[in-house]
């Protein structure tokens, strides 16, 4: 009985060690991107002329109804099949309508190995600040 208790304790301890070593940290899973306000985007990327990809993950119909100047449209649904169109060598700034799909897209891109991700949130906030849509 004593031997069984000892083996059980060792198994539990080994399981705990493996869990701590191999389970991704919560911060790494939940925040693969940096949040970016419209003002920060304009200051850092537009005025600063920093090369980047501005990625609109809304549907084609939403994009056609108005988008940010210079944006490339790859819907969230198509993104897994179109990763080759997203460069690894420069920042990717992602937006959608409200910020939900941009967050999902940033998680998807982070899981695919992208590390320069910026979540601009939604075009709703952009428009609420009186910024131009094309």
Protein backbone atom coordinates (compact mmCIF):
# COMPACT_ATOMS: atom_id res chain seq x y z
CA UNK A 1 0.00 0.00 0.00
CA UNK A 2 2.79 2.40 0.91
CA UNK A 3 4.50 1.67 -2.41
CA UNK A 4 1.27 2.39 -4.32
CA UNK A 5 0.85 5.72 -2.51
CA UNK A 6 4.45 6.66 -3.36
CA UNK A 7 3.99 5.77 -7.02
CA UNK A 8 0.79 7.80 -7.15
CA UNK A 9 2.55 10.82 -5.64
CA UNK A 10 5.40 10.54 -8.17
CA UNK A 11 2.91 10.27 -11.06
CA UNK A 12 1.01 13.35 -9.87
CA UNK A 13 4.24 15.33 -9.47
CA UNK A 14 5.48 14.26 -12.92
CA UNK A 15 2.14 15.27 -14.46
CA UNK A 16 2.31 18.68 -12.82
CA UNK A 17 5.87 19.27 -14.06
CA UNK A 18 4.90 18.28 -17.62
CA UNK A 19 1.86 20.55 -17.49
CA UNK A 20 3.93 23.55 -16.37
CA UNK A 21 6.58 22.91 -19.01
CA UNK A 22 4.43 22.30 -22.06
CA UNK A 23 1.16 24.20 -21.69
CA UNK A 24 1.36 27.68 -23.34
CA UNK A 25 1.11 30.59 -20.98
CA UNK A 26 -2.25 32.37 -20.85
CA UNK A 27 -0.78 35.71 -21.96
CA UNK A 28 0.84 34.15 -25.02
CA UNK A 29 -2.47 32.55 -26.01
CA UNK A 30 -4.72 35.50 -25.34
CA UNK A 31 -2.68 38.50 -26.44
CA UNK A 32 -0.60 37.62 -29.51
CA UNK A 33 -1.05 41.15 -30.83
CA UNK A 34 -0.67 44.68 -29.60
CA UNK A 35 -3.79 46.84 -29.56
CA UNK A 36 -3.49 49.97 -31.65
CA UNK A 37 -5.79 53.01 -31.63
CA UNK A 38 -6.53 54.88 -34.86
CA UNK A 39 -4.31 57.75 -33.65
CA UNK A 40 -1.44 55.39 -32.85
CA UNK A 41 -1.81 53.71 -36.25
CA UNK A 42 -1.64 57.05 -38.03
CA UNK A 43 1.35 58.22 -35.99
CA UNK A 44 3.38 55.01 -36.15
CA UNK A 45 2.53 53.59 -39.55
CA UNK A 46 1.06 56.32 -41.76
CA UNK A 47 2.96 59.45 -40.71
CA UNK A 48 6.01 57.40 -39.81
CA UNK A 49 5.83 55.70 -43.22
CA UNK A 50 6.57 52.32 -41.64
CA UNK A 51 6.13 49.51 -44.17
CA UNK A 52 3.32 47.19 -43.10
CA UNK A 53 0.33 45.23 -44.34
CA UNK A 54 -3.04 46.72 -43.44
CA UNK A 55 -5.32 43.69 -43.38
CA UNK A 56 -9.12 44.00 -43.50
CA UNK A 57 -10.63 40.67 -42.41
CA UNK A 58 -14.25 41.58 -43.18
CA UNK A 59 -16.21 40.02 -46.03
CA UNK A 60 -15.73 41.21 -49.61
CA UNK A 61 -19.13 42.92 -49.48
CA UNK A 62 -18.24 44.83 -46.31
CA UNK A 63 -14.90 45.84 -47.81
CA UNK A 64 -16.60 47.10 -50.99
CA UNK A 65 -18.88 49.26 -48.82
CA UNK A 66 -15.91 51.21 -47.46
CA UNK A 67 -12.42 50.44 -46.20
CA UNK A 68 -9.24 52.10 -44.98
CA UNK A 69 -6.89 53.44 -47.63
CA UNK A 70 -4.28 50.85 -48.58
CA UNK A 71 -6.05 47.91 -46.95
CA UNK A 72 -5.88 44.40 -48.39
CA UNK A 73 -9.05 42.35 -47.99
CA UNK A 74 -8.75 38.73 -46.89
CA UNK A 75 -11.85 37.65 -45.00
CA UNK A 76 -11.39 35.83 -41.72
CA UNK A 77 -13.01 32.75 -43.27
CA UNK A 78 -10.48 32.71 -46.16
CA UNK A 79 -7.42 33.63 -44.09
CA UNK A 80 -6.27 30.07 -43.27
CA UNK A 81 -6.13 29.24 -46.99
CA UNK A 82 -4.47 32.56 -47.94
CA UNK A 83 -1.67 32.81 -45.36
CA UNK A 84 0.91 32.89 -48.14
CA UNK A 85 -0.38 36.37 -49.03
CA UNK A 86 0.47 37.71 -45.56
CA UNK A 87 4.15 38.65 -45.23
CA UNK A 88 6.23 37.51 -42.26
CA UNK A 89 8.87 40.22 -42.70
CA UNK A 90 6.85 43.30 -41.78
CA UNK A 91 4.14 44.28 -39.30
CA UNK A 92 0.56 43.24 -39.98
CA UNK A 93 -2.12 45.67 -38.82
CA UNK A 94 -5.52 43.97 -38.67
CA UNK A 95 -9.02 45.44 -38.52
CA UNK A 96 -12.63 44.41 -39.07
CA UNK A 97 -15.99 45.99 -38.29
CA UNK A 98 -16.06 45.94 -34.50
CA UNK A 99 -12.83 44.25 -33.38
CA UNK A 100 -14.02 40.67 -32.88
CA UNK A 101 -12.81 39.20 -36.16
CA UNK A 102 -9.54 41.14 -36.02
CA UNK A 103 -8.81 39.54 -32.65
CA UNK A 104 -9.60 36.07 -34.06
CA UNK A 105 -7.40 36.76 -37.09
CA UNK A 106 -4.50 37.84 -34.89
CA UNK A 107 -4.78 34.60 -32.89
CA UNK A 108 -4.80 32.61 -36.13
CA UNK A 109 -1.76 34.48 -37.46
CA UNK A 110 0.10 34.12 -34.16
CA UNK A 111 -0.53 30.37 -34.24
CA UNK A 112 0.91 30.34 -37.77
CA UNK A 113 4.13 31.96 -36.54
CA UNK A 114 3.51 35.66 -37.16
CA UNK A 115 4.95 37.88 -34.45
CA UNK A 116 4.52 41.51 -35.62
CA UNK A 117 0.76 41.77 -35.14
CA UNK A 118 -1.23 44.90 -34.35
CA UNK A 119 -4.97 44.88 -33.74
CA UNK A 120 -6.52 48.13 -34.93
CA UNK A 121 -9.96 46.92 -33.83
CA UNK A 122 -12.98 47.97 -35.83
CA UNK A 123 -13.70 50.39 -38.61
CA UNK A 124 -16.63 51.59 -36.47
CA UNK A 125 -14.19 53.30 -34.09
CA UNK A 126 -12.24 54.70 -37.04
CA UNK A 127 -15.38 56.29 -38.47
CA UNK A 128 -16.55 57.52 -35.04
CA UNK A 129 -13.35 59.56 -34.88
CA UNK A 130 -14.17 61.17 -38.25
CA UNK A 131 -11.33 59.45 -40.08
CA UNK A 132 -11.65 58.79 -43.83
CA UNK A 133 -13.00 55.59 -45.38
CA UNK A 134 -12.60 54.89 -49.10
